[in-house]
Amino acid sequence: MQSVVTHDVPSNTTAVGVPARISLGHDADEVKKLEHSRLHDPIADAMKFVLKEQKKLEQNMSEKYKKLEEKINLAIDIEKR
Protein backbone atom coordinates (compact mmCIF):
# COMPACT_ATOMS: atom_id res chain seq x y z
CA MET A 1 0.00 0.00 0.00
CA GLN A 2 1.27 3.48 -0.73
CA SER A 3 0.69 6.96 0.61
CA VAL A 4 0.45 10.22 -1.25
CA VAL A 5 2.87 12.63 0.42
CA THR A 6 2.37 16.25 -0.67
CA HIS A 7 4.93 17.90 1.67
CA ASP A 8 8.27 17.08 3.29
CA VAL A 9 7.94 14.90 6.39
CA PRO A 10 10.23 15.79 9.31
CA SER A 11 12.67 13.13 10.58
CA ASN A 12 11.36 10.67 13.19
CA THR A 13 7.71 11.36 12.36
CA THR A 14 5.04 9.21 10.78
CA ALA A 15 2.71 10.35 8.02
CA VAL A 16 -0.51 8.42 7.36
CA GLY A 17 -3.46 8.64 4.99
CA VAL A 18 -4.12 9.86 1.48
CA PRO A 19 -2.97 12.55 1.28
CA ALA A 20 -0.48 11.78 4.04
CA ARG A 21 -0.70 13.80 7.25
CA ILE A 22 1.72 13.79 10.15
CA SER A 23 0.49 11.47 12.85
CA LEU A 24 0.65 12.75 16.41
CA GLY A 25 1.01 10.85 19.67
CA HIS A 26 2.72 7.67 18.47
CA ASP A 27 5.97 6.61 20.07
CA ALA A 28 8.52 4.35 18.36
CA ASP A 29 7.05 1.15 19.90
CA GLU A 30 3.54 1.96 18.65
CA VAL A 31 4.84 2.72 15.17
CA LYS A 32 6.84 -0.53 15.15
CA LYS A 33 3.63 -2.51 15.90
CA LEU A 34 2.06 -0.97 12.79
CA GLU A 35 4.76 -2.13 10.37
CA HIS A 36 3.09 -3.83 7.42
CA SER A 37 5.14 -6.98 7.88
CA ARG A 38 3.69 -7.37 11.39
CA LEU A 39 0.04 -6.68 10.56
CA HIS A 40 -2.57 -9.42 10.56
CA ASP A 41 -3.34 -10.59 7.00
CA PRO A 42 -7.03 -11.54 6.65
CA ILE A 43 -6.59 -12.57 3.01
CA ALA A 44 -3.86 -15.07 3.90
CA ASP A 45 -6.04 -16.40 6.73
CA ALA A 46 -8.96 -16.83 4.34
CA MET A 47 -6.77 -18.66 1.83
CA LYS A 48 -5.43 -20.98 4.56
CA PHE A 49 -9.02 -21.71 5.62
CA VAL A 50 -10.10 -22.45 2.03
CA LEU A 51 -7.11 -24.75 1.46
CA LYS A 52 -7.80 -26.57 4.73
CA GLU A 53 -11.45 -27.07 3.76
CA GLN A 54 -10.43 -28.22 0.29
CA LYS A 55 -8.16 -30.85 1.82
CA LYS A 56 -11.06 -32.08 4.00
CA LEU A 57 -13.31 -32.32 0.94
CA GLU A 58 -10.67 -34.19 -1.03
CA GLN A 59 -10.23 -36.69 1.81
CA ASN A 60 -13.99 -37.11 2.10
CA MET A 61 -14.34 -37.69 -1.65
CA SER A 62 -11.48 -40.19 -1.59
CA GLU A 63 -13.18 -42.18 1.18
CA LYS A 64 -16.50 -42.12 -0.68
CA TYR A 65 -14.78 -43.23 -3.89
CA LYS A 66 -13.18 -46.18 -2.09
CA LYS A 67 -16.53 -47.22 -0.62
CA LEU A 68 -18.21 -46.93 -4.01
CA GLU A 69 -15.43 -48.96 -5.61
CA GLU A 70 -15.89 -51.68 -2.96
CA LYS A 71 -19.63 -51.80 -3.64
CA ILE A 72 -19.06 -52.03 -7.40
CA ASN A 73 -16.53 -54.85 -6.95
CA LEU A 74 -18.95 -56.66 -4.63
CA ALA A 75 -21.74 -56.33 -7.19
CA ILE A 76 -19.43 -57.67 -9.93
CA ASP A 77 -18.46 -60.63 -7.72
CA ILE A 78 -22.13 -61.41 -7.01
CA GLU A 79 -22.97 -61.20 -10.71
CA LYS A 80 -20.17 -63.63 -11.58
CA ARG A 81 -21.56 -66.32 -9.27
Foldseek 3Di string as FASTA:
>chain_A
DDEQEPDDDDPPWDFDDHPTDTDPDDHPVNVVCVPPVNDDDVVVVVVVVVVVVVVVVVVVVVVVVVVVVVVVVVVVVVVVD
